[in-house]
Amino acid sequence: MRQKPGTKQSHGEKVVKDIRRATRKQYTAEEKIRIVLDGLKAEARIACFEFIEGWYNPSRRHSALGYKSPINYERTAAEGLESLSP
């Protein structure tokens, strides 16, 4: 809260101002760089997860599925179930 020049602050306002001044965090250049890099690392992890789970795993062939991709395996299984239904 800004005061006009020439006006006095109340005791409560002085206490609040002192608390704000004491708790204000001053970051060094190294800390600022670390904060930015941590954010970039998190974004990179998310991008890797999206690539692996969104494209790579669904399209790669799995030996447990008869060397078919999960998408093709499910498609084949669904077609097999449709042919069994009357």
Protein backbone atom coordinates (compact mmCIF):
# COMPACT_ATOMS: atom_id res chain seq x y z
CA MET A 1 0.00 0.00 0.00
CA ARG A 2 1.56 3.29 -1.07
CA GLN A 3 1.33 6.35 1.11
CA LYS A 4 1.10 9.87 -0.16
CA PRO A 5 4.13 12.00 0.72
CA GLY A 6 3.74 13.64 4.10
CA THR A 7 1.27 11.10 5.55
CA LYS A 8 2.19 8.81 8.43
CA GLN A 9 1.83 5.04 8.43
CA SER A 10 0.01 3.31 11.22
CA HIS A 11 1.86 0.81 13.39
CA GLY A 12 0.10 -2.11 11.65
CA GLU A 13 1.10 -0.87 8.22
CA LYS A 14 4.72 -0.61 9.37
CA VAL A 15 4.64 -4.17 10.69
CA VAL A 16 3.16 -5.49 7.43
CA LYS A 17 5.77 -3.61 5.41
CA ASP A 18 8.60 -4.98 7.59
CA ILE A 19 7.28 -8.55 7.24
CA ARG A 20 7.03 -8.22 3.46
CA ARG A 21 10.55 -6.82 3.28
CA ALA A 22 11.95 -9.61 5.48
CA THR A 23 10.22 -12.43 3.58
CA ARG A 24 10.94 -11.18 0.08
CA LYS A 25 13.21 -13.69 -1.64
CA GLN A 26 16.19 -12.35 -3.52
CA TYR A 27 17.38 -14.86 -6.11
CA THR A 28 20.94 -14.98 -7.34
CA ALA A 29 21.61 -15.39 -11.06
CA GLU A 30 22.54 -19.04 -10.45
CA GLU A 31 19.23 -19.72 -8.66
CA LYS A 32 17.29 -18.07 -11.46
CA ILE A 33 19.06 -20.24 -14.04
CA ARG A 34 18.38 -23.36 -11.96
CA ILE A 35 14.67 -22.50 -11.74
CA VAL A 36 14.46 -22.07 -15.53
CA LEU A 37 16.39 -25.30 -16.19
CA ASP A 38 14.18 -27.26 -13.78
CA GLY A 39 11.16 -26.03 -15.73
CA LEU A 40 12.76 -27.07 -19.01
CA LYS A 41 13.60 -30.52 -17.61
CA ALA A 42 9.98 -31.00 -16.59
CA GLU A 43 8.80 -30.00 -20.07
CA ALA A 44 11.29 -32.45 -21.63
CA ARG A 45 10.04 -35.29 -19.41
CA ILE A 46 6.46 -34.57 -20.44
CA ALA A 47 7.43 -34.49 -24.14
CA CYS A 48 9.26 -37.83 -23.83
CA PHE A 49 6.30 -39.40 -22.05
CA GLU A 50 3.90 -38.15 -24.72
CA PHE A 51 6.14 -39.52 -27.50
CA ILE A 52 6.58 -42.95 -25.92
CA GLU A 53 3.01 -43.48 -24.79
CA GLY A 54 1.33 -41.60 -27.62
CA TRP A 55 3.21 -42.84 -30.66
CA TYR A 56 6.07 -45.26 -30.00
CA ASN A 57 4.44 -47.92 -27.80
CA PRO A 58 1.16 -48.11 -29.75
CA SER A 59 2.95 -48.42 -33.10
CA ARG A 60 5.92 -50.65 -32.27
CA ARG A 61 5.61 -54.42 -32.55
CA HIS A 62 5.41 -56.40 -29.31
CA SER A 63 6.57 -60.01 -29.15
CA ALA A 64 3.85 -60.86 -26.63
CA LEU A 65 1.23 -59.83 -29.20
CA GLY A 66 2.56 -62.02 -31.99
CA TYR A 67 4.82 -59.23 -33.28
CA LYS A 68 1.87 -56.94 -33.94
CA SER A 69 1.45 -53.40 -32.76
CA PRO A 70 -1.14 -52.99 -29.99
CA ILE A 71 -3.41 -51.11 -32.39
CA ASN A 72 -3.26 -53.88 -35.02
CA TYR A 73 -3.64 -56.58 -32.36
CA GLU A 74 -6.79 -54.96 -30.96
CA ARG A 75 -8.16 -54.45 -34.48
CA THR A 76 -7.57 -58.12 -35.32
CA ALA A 77 -9.10 -59.23 -32.01
CA ALA A 78 -12.17 -57.06 -32.58
CA GLU A 79 -12.61 -58.46 -36.10
CA GLY A 80 -12.33 -61.98 -34.66
CA LEU A 81 -15.04 -61.26 -32.10
CA GLU A 82 -17.32 -59.82 -34.75
CA SER A 83 -17.02 -62.96 -36.85
CA LEU A 84 -17.96 -65.11 -33.83
CA SER A 85 -21.17 -63.20 -33.05
CA PRO A 86 -24.38 -64.55 -34.68
